[in-house]
Every structure is written in C-alpha cells, then in structure tokens.
C-alpha cells in the first residue's frame, strides 16, 4: 500500500468515526464513555493523517 492510499484509508476511517460520534450523540441512550473513546480514536487518526501528510 503506497502512502497516498494509506492516507485515503485513514481519512475514510476518520469520516466513519465522525458519523459514529454524531449518531451516538443523537441517541437518547448515548454512553458518554463510548463517545469519548470514539472521539479519541478520531483524534489519533487525524494526528496520524497530519504526520503522514507532512512526510
């Protein structure tokens, strides 16, 4: 897998996590710990994308 396709895959995962966070926040039975974990994963992906984008 080359760098650009790897970054694309990371962006796809980041977008999917964004959608999951939005959906969880709209749910009346939302679990704050779960939402926080999703946001942390999303941030880690964003940082990785930025690192690779500057490489």
PDB file of N, CA and C in Angstrom:
ATOM      1  N   UNK A   1       0.854  -1.174   0.000  1.00  0.00           N
ATOM      2  CA  UNK A   1       0.000   0.000   0.000  1.00  0.00           C
ATOM      3  C   UNK A   1       0.899   1.235   0.000  1.00  0.00           C
ATOM      4  N   UNK A   2       0.696   2.114  -0.973  1.00  0.00           N
ATOM      5  CA  UNK A   2       1.515   3.319  -1.021  1.00  0.00           C
ATOM      6  C   UNK A   2       0.986   4.364  -0.035  1.00  0.00           C
ATOM      7  N   UNK A   3       1.745   5.431   0.125  1.00  0.00           N
ATOM      8  CA  UNK A   3       1.431   6.438   1.136  1.00  0.00           C
ATOM      9  C   UNK A   3       0.091   7.112   0.888  1.00  0.00           C
ATOM     10  N   UNK A   4      -0.186   7.498  -0.354  1.00  0.00           N
ATOM     11  CA  UNK A   4      -1.438   8.212  -0.618  1.00  0.00           C
ATOM     12  C   UNK A   4      -2.661   7.323  -0.382  1.00  0.00           C
ATOM     13  N   UNK A   5      -2.585   6.062  -0.734  1.00  0.00           N
ATOM     14  CA  UNK A   5      -3.731   5.178  -0.487  1.00  0.00           C
ATOM     15  C   UNK A   5      -3.888   4.903   1.010  1.00  0.00           C
ATOM     16  N   UNK A   6      -2.773   4.878   1.728  1.00  0.00           N
ATOM     17  CA  UNK A   6      -2.839   4.695   3.183  1.00  0.00           C
ATOM     18  C   UNK A   6      -3.511   5.914   3.826  1.00  0.00           C
ATOM     19  N   UNK A   7      -3.131   7.100   3.394  1.00  0.00           N
ATOM     20  CA  UNK A   7      -3.734   8.326   3.926  1.00  0.00           C
ATOM     21  C   UNK A   7      -5.226   8.361   3.580  1.00  0.00           C
ATOM     22  N   UNK A   8      -5.587   7.948   2.377  1.00  0.00           N
ATOM     23  CA  UNK A   8      -7.001   7.895   1.984  1.00  0.00           C
ATOM     24  C   UNK A   8      -7.785   6.954   2.889  1.00  0.00           C
ATOM     25  N   UNK A   9      -7.202   5.817   3.195  1.00  0.00           N
ATOM     26  CA  UNK A   9      -7.860   4.855   4.078  1.00  0.00           C
ATOM     27  C   UNK A   9      -8.032   5.444   5.476  1.00  0.00           C
ATOM     28  N   UNK A  10      -7.022   6.140   5.968  1.00  0.00           N
ATOM     29  CA  UNK A  10      -7.130   6.782   7.280  1.00  0.00           C
ATOM     30  C   UNK A  10      -8.225   7.847   7.275  1.00  0.00           C
ATOM     31  N   UNK A  11      -8.321   8.613   6.190  1.00  0.00           N
ATOM     32  CA  UNK A  11      -9.378   9.630   6.079  1.00  0.00           C
ATOM     33  C   UNK A  11     -10.757   8.981   6.052  1.00  0.00           C
ATOM     34  N   UNK A  12     -10.873   7.852   5.373  1.00  0.00           N
ATOM     35  CA  UNK A  12     -12.152   7.135   5.321  1.00  0.00           C
ATOM     36  C   UNK A  12     -12.551   6.677   6.728  1.00  0.00           C
ATOM     37  N   UNK A  13     -11.593   6.142   7.475  1.00  0.00           N
ATOM     38  CA  UNK A  13     -11.857   5.704   8.844  1.00  0.00           C
ATOM     39  C   UNK A  13     -12.234   6.893   9.732  1.00  0.00           C
ATOM     40  N   UNK A  14     -11.547   8.020   9.530  1.00  0.00           N
ATOM     41  CA  UNK A  14     -11.828   9.234  10.302  1.00  0.00           C
ATOM     42  C   UNK A  14     -13.265   9.692  10.033  1.00  0.00           C
ATOM     43  N   UNK A  15     -13.676   9.678   8.780  1.00  0.00           N
ATOM     44  CA  UNK A  15     -15.039  10.078   8.417  1.00  0.00           C
ATOM     45  C   UNK A  15     -16.057   9.127   9.036  1.00  0.00           C
ATOM     46  N   UNK A  16     -15.764   7.848   9.004  1.00  0.00           N
ATOM     47  CA  UNK A  16     -16.669   6.857   9.589  1.00  0.00           C
ATOM     48  C   UNK A  16     -16.818   7.103  11.097  1.00  0.00           C
ATOM     49  N   UNK A  17     -15.716   7.396  11.769  1.00  0.00           N
ATOM     50  CA  UNK A  17     -15.786   7.688  13.194  1.00  0.00           C
ATOM     51  C   UNK A  17     -16.595   8.958  13.454  1.00  0.00           C
ATOM     52  N   UNK A  18     -16.457   9.961  12.594  1.00  0.00           N
ATOM     53  CA  UNK A  18     -17.244  11.191  12.732  1.00  0.00           C
ATOM     54  C   UNK A  18     -18.737  10.873  12.681  1.00  0.00           C
ATOM     55  N   UNK A  19     -19.106  10.030  11.747  1.00  0.00           N
ATOM     56  CA  UNK A  19     -20.506   9.637  11.610  1.00  0.00           C
ATOM     57  C   UNK A  19     -20.980   8.862  12.835  1.00  0.00           C
ATOM     58  N   UNK A  20     -20.136   7.994  13.357  1.00  0.00           N
ATOM     59  CA  UNK A  20     -20.492   7.226  14.550  1.00  0.00           C
ATOM     60  C   UNK A  20     -20.681   8.146  15.754  1.00  0.00           C
ATOM     61  N   UNK A  21     -19.799   9.149  15.895  1.00  0.00           N
ATOM     62  CA  UNK A  21     -19.912  10.099  17.011  1.00  0.00           C
ATOM     63  C   UNK A  21     -21.223  10.875  16.894  1.00  0.00           C
ATOM     64  N   UNK A  22     -21.510  11.382  15.703  1.00  0.00           N
ATOM     65  CA  UNK A  22     -22.749  12.137  15.500  1.00  0.00           C
ATOM     66  C   UNK A  22     -23.973  11.291  15.828  1.00  0.00           C
ATOM     67  N   UNK A  23     -23.966  10.067  15.371  1.00  0.00           N
ATOM     68  CA  UNK A  23     -25.092   9.172  15.617  1.00  0.00           C
ATOM     69  C   UNK A  23     -25.231   8.889  17.115  1.00  0.00           C
ATOM     70  N   UNK A  24     -24.132   8.638  17.788  1.00  0.00           N
ATOM     71  CA  UNK A  24     -24.170   8.348  19.220  1.00  0.00           C
ATOM     72  C   UNK A  24     -24.652   9.562  20.011  1.00  0.00           C
ATOM     73  N   UNK A  25     -24.245  10.757  19.589  1.00  0.00           N
ATOM     74  CA  UNK A  25     -24.655  11.957  20.304  1.00  0.00           C
ATOM     75  C   UNK A  25     -26.147  12.225  20.134  1.00  0.00           C
ATOM     76  N   UNK A  26     -26.728  11.785  19.040  1.00  0.00           N
ATOM     77  CA  UNK A  26     -28.162  11.973  18.805  1.00  0.00           C
ATOM     78  C   UNK A  26     -29.006  10.939  19.551  1.00  0.00           C
ATOM     79  N   UNK A  27     -28.377   9.881  19.974  1.00  0.00           N
ATOM     80  CA  UNK A  27     -29.105   8.804  20.643  1.00  0.00           C
ATOM     81  C   UNK A  27     -29.431   9.208  22.082  1.00  0.00           C
ATOM     82  N   UNK A  28     -30.686   9.008  22.495  1.00  0.00           N
ATOM     83  CA  UNK A  28     -31.048   9.363  23.879  1.00  0.00           C
ATOM     84  C   UNK A  28     -30.333   8.493  24.920  1.00  0.00           C
ATOM     85  N   UNK A  29     -29.920   7.319  24.510  1.00  0.00           N
ATOM     86  CA  UNK A  29     -29.227   6.419  25.436  1.00  0.00           C
ATOM     87  C   UNK A  29     -27.716   6.461  25.213  1.00  0.00           C
ATOM     88  N   UNK A  30     -27.213   7.612  24.810  1.00  0.00           N
ATOM     89  CA  UNK A  30     -25.790   7.742  24.486  1.00  0.00           C
ATOM     90  C   UNK A  30     -24.927   7.487  25.719  1.00  0.00           C
ATOM     91  N   UNK A  31     -23.862   6.755  25.506  1.00  0.00           N
ATOM     92  CA  UNK A  31     -22.894   6.446  26.555  1.00  0.00           C
ATOM     93  C   UNK A  31     -21.722   7.409  26.399  1.00  0.00           C
ATOM     94  N   UNK A  32     -21.556   8.310  27.379  1.00  0.00           N
ATOM     95  CA  UNK A  32     -20.512   9.326  27.284  1.00  0.00           C
ATOM     96  C   UNK A  32     -19.113   8.723  27.176  1.00  0.00           C
ATOM     97  N   UNK A  33     -18.880   7.617  27.841  1.00  0.00           N
ATOM     98  CA  UNK A  33     -17.556   6.986  27.762  1.00  0.00           C
ATOM     99  C   UNK A  33     -17.294   6.455  26.357  1.00  0.00           C
ATOM    100  N   UNK A  34     -18.315   5.906  25.743  1.00  0.00           N
ATOM    101  CA  UNK A  34     -18.183   5.391  24.374  1.00  0.00           C
ATOM    102  C   UNK A  34     -17.916   6.538  23.405  1.00  0.00           C
ATOM    103  N   UNK A  35     -18.649   7.628  23.559  1.00  0.00           N
ATOM    104  CA  UNK A  35     -18.463   8.795  22.695  1.00  0.00           C
ATOM    105  C   UNK A  35     -17.053   9.350  22.868  1.00  0.00           C
ATOM    106  N   UNK A  36     -16.591   9.431  24.096  1.00  0.00           N
ATOM    107  CA  UNK A  36     -15.243   9.926  24.367  1.00  0.00           C
ATOM    108  C   UNK A  36     -14.190   9.029  23.718  1.00  0.00           C
ATOM    109  N   UNK A  37     -14.383   7.728  23.783  1.00  0.00           N
ATOM    110  CA  UNK A  37     -13.440   6.791  23.168  1.00  0.00           C
ATOM    111  C   UNK A  37     -13.421   6.963  21.648  1.00  0.00           C
ATOM    112  N   UNK A  38     -14.600   7.150  21.051  1.00  0.00           N
ATOM    113  CA  UNK A  38     -14.667   7.371  19.600  1.00  0.00           C
ATOM    114  C   UNK A  38     -13.942   8.658  19.218  1.00  0.00           C
ATOM    115  N   UNK A  39     -14.155   9.704  20.007  1.00  0.00           N
ATOM    116  CA  UNK A  39     -13.501  10.983  19.717  1.00  0.00           C
ATOM    117  C   UNK A  39     -11.983  10.868  19.851  1.00  0.00           C
ATOM    118  N   UNK A  40     -11.530  10.082  20.804  1.00  0.00           N
ATOM    119  CA  UNK A  40     -10.085   9.882  20.987  1.00  0.00           C
ATOM    120  C   UNK A  40      -9.492   9.147  19.781  1.00  0.00           C
ATOM    121  N   UNK A  41     -10.189   8.118  19.312  1.00  0.00           N
ATOM    122  CA  UNK A  41      -9.737   7.394  18.122  1.00  0.00           C
ATOM    123  C   UNK A  41      -9.690   8.325  16.914  1.00  0.00           C
ATOM    124  N   UNK A  42     -10.709   9.159  16.805  1.00  0.00           N
ATOM    125  CA  UNK A  42     -10.796  10.109  15.692  1.00  0.00           C
ATOM    126  C   UNK A  42      -9.612  11.077  15.737  1.00  0.00           C
ATOM    127  N   UNK A  43      -9.284  11.572  16.920  1.00  0.00           N
ATOM    128  CA  UNK A  43      -8.157  12.491  17.071  1.00  0.00           C
ATOM    129  C   UNK A  43      -6.839  11.805  16.723  1.00  0.00           C
ATOM    130  N   UNK A  44      -6.673  10.563  17.147  1.00  0.00           N
ATOM    131  CA  UNK A  44      -5.448   9.830  16.828  1.00  0.00           C
ATOM    132  C   UNK A  44      -5.296   9.648  15.321  1.00  0.00           C
ATOM    133  N   UNK A  45      -6.391   9.362  14.638  1.00  0.00           N
ATOM    134  CA  UNK A  45      -6.340   9.224  13.182  1.00  0.00           C
ATOM    135  C   UNK A  45      -5.984  10.561  12.536  1.00  0.00           C
ATOM    136  N   UNK A  46      -6.580  11.641  13.033  1.00  0.00           N
ATOM    137  CA  UNK A  46      -6.299  12.963  12.480  1.00  0.00           C
ATOM    138  C   UNK A  46      -4.818  13.304  12.628  1.00  0.00           C
ATOM    139  N   UNK A  47      -4.256  13.023  13.793  1.00  0.00           N
ATOM    140  CA  UNK A  47      -2.833  13.293  14.019  1.00  0.00           C
ATOM    141  C   UNK A  47      -1.965  12.450  13.092  1.00  0.00           C
ATOM    142  N   UNK A  48      -2.342  11.207  12.904  1.00  0.00           N
ATOM    143  CA  UNK A  48      -1.583  10.326  12.011  1.00  0.00           C
ATOM    144  C   UNK A  48      -1.653  10.817  10.564  1.00  0.00           C
ATOM    145  N   UNK A  49      -2.846  11.250  10.137  1.00  0.00           N
ATOM    146  CA  UNK A  49      -3.022  11.790   8.787  1.00  0.00           C
ATOM    147  C   UNK A  49      -2.143  13.017   8.598  1.00  0.00           C
ATOM    148  N   UNK A  50      -2.132  13.902   9.596  1.00  0.00           N
ATOM    149  CA  UNK A  50      -1.326  15.115   9.501  1.00  0.00           C
ATOM    150  C   UNK A  50       0.158  14.801   9.437  1.00  0.00           C
ATOM    151  N   UNK A  51       0.601  13.832  10.237  1.00  0.00           N
ATOM    152  CA  UNK A  51       2.017  13.428  10.219  1.00  0.00           C
ATOM    153  C   UNK A  51       2.403  12.897   8.848  1.00  0.00           C
ATOM    154  N   UNK A  52       1.559  12.026   8.301  1.00  0.00           N
ATOM    155  CA  UNK A  52       1.858  11.416   7.009  1.00  0.00           C
ATOM    156  C   UNK A  52       1.747  12.430   5.880  1.00  0.00           C
ATOM    157  N   UNK A  53       0.843  13.385   6.023  1.00  0.00           N
ATOM    158  CA  UNK A  53       0.677  14.410   5.013  1.00  0.00           C
ATOM    159  C   UNK A  53       1.874  15.335   4.911  1.00  0.00           C
ATOM    160  N   UNK A  54       2.586  15.474   6.014  1.00  0.00           N
ATOM    161  CA  UNK A  54       3.786  16.326   6.039  1.00  0.00           C
ATOM    162  C   UNK A  54       5.054  15.557   5.718  1.00  0.00           C
ATOM    163  N   UNK A  55       4.918  14.251   5.518  1.00  0.00           N
ATOM    164  CA  UNK A  55       6.101  13.425   5.243  1.00  0.00           C
ATOM    165  C   UNK A  55       6.529  13.518   3.795  1.00  0.00           C
TER     166      UNK A  55
END
